[in-house]
Protein backbone atom coordinates (compact mmCIF):
# COMPACT_ATOMS: atom_id res chain seq x y z
CA UNK A 1 -1.71 -10.48 -6.51
CA UNK A 2 1.09 -8.18 -7.66
CA UNK A 3 3.73 -10.28 -5.91
CA UNK A 4 2.32 -13.44 -7.51
CA UNK A 5 2.47 -11.81 -10.95
CA UNK A 6 6.05 -10.70 -10.25
CA UNK A 7 7.06 -14.23 -9.24
CA UNK A 8 5.40 -15.67 -12.35
CA UNK A 9 7.07 -13.04 -14.55
CA UNK A 10 10.54 -13.95 -13.30
CA UNK A 11 9.84 -17.68 -13.52
CA UNK A 12 8.39 -17.35 -17.06
CA UNK A 13 10.14 -14.46 -18.81
CA UNK A 14 9.39 -15.78 -22.31
CA UNK A 15 5.65 -16.02 -21.62
CA UNK A 16 5.71 -12.65 -19.87
CA UNK A 17 7.34 -11.15 -22.95
CA UNK A 18 4.75 -12.71 -25.25
CA UNK A 19 1.94 -11.13 -23.24
CA UNK A 20 3.48 -7.80 -22.20
CA UNK A 21 6.46 -7.22 -24.48
CA UNK A 22 6.71 -4.75 -27.31
CA UNK A 23 4.27 -5.46 -30.12
CA UNK A 24 5.61 -6.69 -33.43
CA UNK A 25 4.60 -4.33 -36.27
CA UNK A 26 1.86 -5.85 -38.40
CA UNK A 27 1.27 -8.78 -36.02
CA UNK A 28 -2.23 -9.34 -34.68
CA UNK A 29 -2.51 -11.80 -31.82
CA UNK A 30 -4.97 -14.65 -32.27
CA UNK A 31 -8.29 -14.18 -30.46
CA UNK A 32 -7.57 -17.16 -28.18
CA UNK A 33 -4.74 -15.15 -26.58
CA UNK A 34 -7.10 -12.40 -25.41
CA UNK A 35 -8.59 -14.25 -22.39
CA UNK A 36 -5.19 -15.13 -20.84
CA UNK A 37 -4.03 -11.53 -21.30
CA UNK A 38 -7.22 -10.34 -19.56
CA UNK A 39 -6.52 -12.18 -16.30
CA UNK A 40 -4.35 -9.43 -14.80
CA UNK A 41 -6.72 -6.47 -15.35
CA UNK A 42 -9.71 -8.59 -14.30
CA UNK A 43 -8.00 -9.66 -11.05
CA UNK A 44 -6.85 -6.13 -10.33
CA UNK A 45 -10.34 -4.81 -11.07
CA UNK A 46 -11.87 -7.33 -8.67
CA UNK A 47 -9.48 -6.24 -5.92
CA UNK A 48 -10.28 -2.58 -6.54
CA UNK A 49 -14.02 -3.29 -6.62
CA UNK A 50 -13.75 -5.21 -3.32
CA UNK A 51 -11.81 -2.37 -1.69
CA UNK A 52 -14.42 0.12 -2.89
CA UNK A 53 -17.33 -1.98 -1.61
CA UNK A 54 -15.55 -2.51 1.73
CA UNK A 55 -15.06 1.25 2.17
CA UNK A 56 -11.27 0.87 2.16
CA UNK A 57 -10.53 3.56 -0.45
CA UNK A 58 -9.76 7.18 0.26
CA UNK A 59 -11.45 9.60 -2.16
CA UNK A 60 -9.05 11.29 -4.57
CA UNK A 61 -7.71 14.72 -3.66
CA UNK A 62 -8.08 15.82 -7.25
CA UNK A 63 -10.75 14.06 -9.35
CA UNK A 64 -9.98 13.59 -13.01
CA UNK A 65 -11.85 16.01 -15.26
CA UNK A 66 -14.93 14.62 -17.01
CA UNK A 67 -16.25 13.23 -19.15
CA UNK A 68 -14.78 9.76 -18.86
CA UNK A 69 -12.48 8.61 -21.65
CA UNK A 70 -13.21 4.91 -21.04
CA UNK A 71 -14.63 2.46 -23.51
CA UNK A 72 -17.88 0.82 -22.40
CA UNK A 73 -16.10 -2.55 -22.25
CA UNK A 74 -13.81 -1.33 -19.46
CA UNK A 75 -16.79 -0.15 -17.42
CA UNK A 76 -18.55 -3.47 -18.03
CA UNK A 77 -15.52 -5.53 -16.97
CA UNK A 78 -15.34 -3.51 -13.74
CA UNK A 79 -19.03 -4.12 -13.07
CA UNK A 80 -20.31 -0.63 -13.72
CA UNK A 81 -19.14 2.92 -13.16
CA UNK A 82 -18.70 3.89 -9.51
CA UNK A 83 -20.44 6.97 -8.19
CA UNK A 84 -18.72 10.13 -6.94
CA UNK A 85 -16.30 10.60 -5.32
CA UNK A 86 -14.95 7.46 -7.03
CA UNK A 87 -16.37 8.07 -10.51
CA UNK A 88 -12.84 8.07 -12.01
CA UNK A 89 -11.77 4.89 -10.20
CA UNK A 90 -11.68 2.73 -13.34
CA UNK A 91 -9.37 5.18 -15.09
CA UNK A 92 -7.17 5.28 -12.00
CA UNK A 93 -7.21 1.46 -11.93
CA UNK A 94 -5.93 1.37 -15.50
CA UNK A 95 -3.11 3.69 -14.42
CA UNK A 96 -2.30 1.27 -11.58
CA UNK A 97 -2.37 -1.66 -14.02
CA UNK A 98 -0.06 0.10 -16.48
CA UNK A 99 2.30 1.04 -13.63
CA UNK A 100 2.37 -2.61 -12.53
CA UNK A 101 3.20 -3.91 -16.00
CA UNK A 102 5.77 -1.17 -16.63
CA UNK A 103 7.45 -1.94 -13.31
CA UNK A 104 7.54 -5.64 -14.15
CA UNK A 105 9.03 -4.91 -17.57
CA UNK A 106 11.74 -2.86 -15.88
CA UNK A 107 12.48 -5.58 -13.35
CA UNK A 108 12.26 -8.63 -15.62
CA UNK A 109 14.56 -6.97 -18.15
CA UNK A 110 16.96 -5.62 -15.47
CA UNK A 111 16.30 -1.93 -16.06
CA UNK A 112 16.51 -1.16 -12.33
CA UNK A 113 19.52 -3.35 -11.43
CA UNK A 114 21.98 -0.44 -11.53
CA UNK A 115 19.87 1.93 -9.43
CA UNK A 116 18.01 -0.23 -6.91
CA UNK A 117 19.72 -2.31 -4.22
CA UNK A 118 16.68 -4.41 -3.16
CA UNK A 119 14.46 -5.26 -6.13
CA UNK A 120 11.67 -6.93 -4.11
CA UNK A 121 11.44 -4.10 -1.61
CA UNK A 122 11.45 -1.55 -4.43
CA UNK A 123 8.64 -3.46 -6.16
CA UNK A 124 6.53 -3.39 -2.99
CA UNK A 125 7.21 0.32 -2.48
CA UNK A 126 6.39 1.17 -6.08
CA UNK A 127 3.11 -0.76 -5.92
CA UNK A 128 2.23 0.99 -2.65
CA UNK A 129 2.88 4.39 -4.26
CA UNK A 130 0.83 3.47 -7.36
CA UNK A 131 -2.01 2.08 -5.20
CA UNK A 132 -2.28 5.45 -3.46
CA UNK A 133 -3.50 6.78 -6.82
CA UNK A 134 -6.68 4.75 -6.43
CA UNK A 135 -7.00 5.59 -2.74
CA UNK A 136 -5.70 2.29 -1.38
CA UNK A 137 -3.13 2.24 1.41
CA UNK A 138 -0.87 -0.80 0.98
CA UNK A 139 1.16 -1.74 4.05
CA UNK A 140 4.90 -2.07 3.55
CA UNK A 141 6.90 -4.81 5.23
CA UNK A 142 10.55 -5.62 5.66
CA UNK A 143 12.98 -5.65 2.73
CA UNK A 144 12.87 -9.09 1.10
CA UNK A 145 15.96 -9.32 -1.19
């Protein structure tokens, strides 16, 4: 899913910027733009939920302190709050999502070109590191650039 979003982001930088770029002061996006912008967190949430249900997540070493800071909508989109030891999984998923978008912003706008030799391999490694925050081990393959 993350690789597909990366490929789409590079193929459609203008659309990527409209969805994930810096907000324009005073501008409020039309309501019809909300569903397309929701696809990424919904897909990521479904993957996380599937991994949880399949028993593929490692419990966190250090749970986040309670109470939760989530809005009820986030819990609803995820399908309910997981029980301990994964009670902070939705918050951790939002961290993963924000890491993914931040990484894409850096790559689409060439912020890593002067420090990273293989952009695709770095992307995979960064996603693997971020996924560890939710307890998911992502296998790493060969360099691809």
